[in-house]
Amino acid sequence: MRCNIIVIDANFLFLPIQFKIDFLSEINFKLVGKNYFLIYKQIFDELESKKKKLHEISKFGRQFNFISVYLESNKNNYNLIYINKIKERSETTDQFLLNECLRLKKIHHNIYLATNDSQLRKEATKANIRNICLRQKKYLIIC
């Protein structure tokens, strides 16, 4: 059976709120085989930091709480894997995710990076990592 590993970027987590897209079910539908969704601690640390700057009661704080509930409620339905790994001081979160995808690609062939960051998508494409992104605020595409 084909096995797919999907590394999720921070901005992709907001799709259920911003565009009412259940990205977990959409990706599960589009990719053939067993899918594993990886979310790194670095992503949550980045979002927690932003939440603290903007306060818990801000719009972002409420959105972050919704994301946490969304992921927790779908944890048993999809293969969500939380990895307790953070970036080095000298690298950005985007570089960290790209490096992790490259490391995983050495072990496994079907690696996808789910992001809406255009610069990160370009870098991933150059590194021969497939992308999952949003088009026209409605559709997830695999490039």
Protein backbone atom coordinates (compact mmCIF):
# COMPACT_ATOMS: atom_id res chain seq x y z
CA MET A 1 0.00 0.00 0.00
CA ARG A 2 1.22 3.48 -0.86
CA CYS A 3 2.14 5.64 2.10
CA ASN A 4 2.19 9.46 2.02
CA ILE A 5 3.75 11.82 4.53
CA ILE A 6 2.35 15.35 4.63
CA VAL A 7 4.31 18.02 6.54
CA ILE A 8 1.99 20.87 7.53
CA ASP A 9 3.06 24.52 7.67
CA ALA A 10 1.51 26.99 10.13
CA ASN A 11 -0.48 28.94 7.55
CA PHE A 12 -2.13 25.74 6.31
CA LEU A 13 -3.64 25.13 9.73
CA PHE A 14 -5.88 28.19 9.30
CA LEU A 15 -7.71 26.89 6.20
CA PRO A 16 -10.73 25.58 8.15
CA ILE A 17 -11.26 29.06 9.61
CA GLN A 18 -10.35 31.30 6.71
CA PHE A 19 -11.89 29.35 3.82
CA LYS A 20 -14.04 26.69 5.50
CA ILE A 21 -11.94 23.89 4.01
CA ASP A 22 -11.45 20.67 5.93
CA PHE A 23 -7.92 20.13 4.66
CA LEU A 24 -7.46 16.77 6.40
CA SER A 25 -10.39 15.14 4.60
CA GLU A 26 -9.57 16.90 1.30
CA ILE A 27 -5.99 15.63 1.31
CA ASN A 28 -7.14 12.17 2.41
CA PHE A 29 -9.53 12.14 -0.55
CA LYS A 30 -6.96 13.36 -3.11
CA LEU A 31 -3.98 11.20 -2.16
CA VAL A 32 -4.15 7.45 -2.74
CA GLY A 33 -2.93 5.26 0.10
CA LYS A 34 -2.34 5.78 3.79
CA ASN A 35 -1.66 9.39 4.78
CA TYR A 36 0.35 10.60 7.76
CA PHE A 37 0.06 14.26 8.73
CA LEU A 38 3.14 15.61 10.53
CA ILE A 39 2.92 18.72 12.67
CA TYR A 40 6.13 19.86 14.30
CA LYS A 41 6.39 21.48 17.73
CA GLN A 42 8.14 24.38 15.99
CA ILE A 43 4.86 25.26 14.24
CA PHE A 44 2.94 25.35 17.53
CA ASP A 45 5.73 27.35 19.21
CA GLU A 46 5.57 29.92 16.41
CA LEU A 47 1.79 30.23 16.77
CA GLU A 48 1.93 30.33 20.59
CA SER A 49 4.47 33.15 20.40
CA LYS A 50 2.21 35.15 18.10
CA LYS A 51 -0.77 34.43 20.33
CA LYS A 52 1.08 35.78 23.40
CA LYS A 53 2.01 38.95 21.54
CA LEU A 54 -1.57 39.55 20.46
CA HIS A 55 -3.23 38.35 23.70
CA GLU A 56 -5.52 35.38 24.20
CA ILE A 57 -8.73 37.30 23.56
CA SER A 58 -7.63 38.64 20.17
CA LYS A 59 -9.04 37.29 16.93
CA PHE A 60 -5.83 35.33 16.39
CA GLY A 61 -6.08 33.84 19.88
CA ARG A 62 -9.61 32.60 19.17
CA GLN A 63 -8.52 31.20 15.80
CA PHE A 64 -5.59 29.41 17.41
CA ASN A 65 -7.91 27.87 20.00
CA PHE A 66 -10.23 26.71 17.19
CA ILE A 67 -7.27 25.11 15.37
CA SER A 68 -6.30 23.24 18.54
CA VAL A 69 -9.85 21.90 18.92
CA TYR A 70 -10.05 21.02 15.20
CA LEU A 71 -6.81 19.02 15.35
CA GLU A 72 -7.70 17.32 18.62
CA SER A 73 -11.15 16.30 17.36
CA ASN A 74 -9.67 14.84 14.16
CA LYS A 75 -6.72 13.14 15.84
CA ASN A 76 -8.44 9.73 15.90
CA ASN A 77 -9.95 9.99 12.39
CA TYR A 78 -6.69 10.85 10.63
CA ASN A 79 -3.10 9.90 11.26
CA LEU A 80 -1.99 13.12 12.95
CA ILE A 81 1.52 12.86 14.31
CA TYR A 82 2.98 15.56 16.54
CA ILE A 83 6.77 15.67 16.44
CA ASN A 84 8.59 17.28 19.34
CA LYS A 85 11.31 18.95 17.28
CA ILE A 86 12.22 22.62 16.93
CA LYS A 87 14.50 24.61 14.66
CA GLU A 88 18.10 25.59 15.28
CA ARG A 89 18.68 29.20 16.30
CA SER A 90 20.31 30.04 12.98
CA GLU A 91 17.47 28.82 10.74
CA THR A 92 13.99 30.10 10.00
CA THR A 93 10.86 28.01 10.39
CA ASP A 94 10.61 27.71 6.60
CA GLN A 95 14.19 26.44 6.37
CA PHE A 96 13.46 24.03 9.21
CA LEU A 97 10.41 22.58 7.42
CA LEU A 98 12.30 22.32 4.14
CA ASN A 99 15.22 20.56 5.83
CA GLU A 100 12.85 18.15 7.56
CA CYS A 101 11.16 17.35 4.24
CA LEU A 102 14.56 16.70 2.64
CA ARG A 103 15.56 14.47 5.56
CA LEU A 104 12.31 12.52 5.28
CA LYS A 105 12.67 12.25 1.51
CA LYS A 106 15.90 10.26 2.00
CA ILE A 107 13.87 7.68 3.94
CA HIS A 108 10.56 7.84 2.12
CA HIS A 109 9.62 8.85 -1.44
CA ASN A 110 6.12 10.28 -1.01
CA ILE A 111 6.73 13.49 0.93
CA TYR A 112 4.41 16.49 0.57
CA LEU A 113 4.68 19.97 2.06
CA ALA A 114 1.29 21.56 2.75
CA THR A 115 1.74 25.34 2.67
CA ASN A 116 0.31 28.53 1.22
CA ASP A 117 3.63 30.36 1.46
CA SER A 118 4.64 31.03 -2.17
CA GLN A 119 8.36 31.39 -1.39
CA LEU A 120 8.42 28.13 0.56
CA ARG A 121 6.56 26.38 -2.27
CA LYS A 122 9.16 27.59 -4.78
CA GLU A 123 12.02 26.39 -2.59
CA ALA A 124 10.32 23.03 -2.06
CA THR A 125 9.76 22.61 -5.79
CA LYS A 126 13.45 23.35 -6.44
CA ALA A 127 14.31 20.67 -3.86
CA ASN A 128 11.98 18.21 -5.66
CA ILE A 129 9.42 18.12 -2.84
CA ARG A 130 5.78 18.04 -3.88
CA ASN A 131 3.44 20.76 -2.56
CA ILE A 132 -0.16 20.90 -1.48
CA CYS A 133 -1.62 24.39 -1.67
CA LEU A 134 -4.88 26.31 -1.96
CA ARG A 135 -6.09 27.68 -5.30
CA GLN A 136 -8.88 30.21 -5.82
CA LYS A 137 -9.73 30.08 -2.10
CA LYS A 138 -11.64 26.84 -2.77
CA TYR A 139 -9.47 24.00 -4.02
CA LEU A 140 -6.50 22.13 -2.70
CA ILE A 141 -4.10 21.16 -5.45
CA ILE A 142 -1.05 18.95 -5.48
CA CYS A 143 1.88 20.31 -7.48
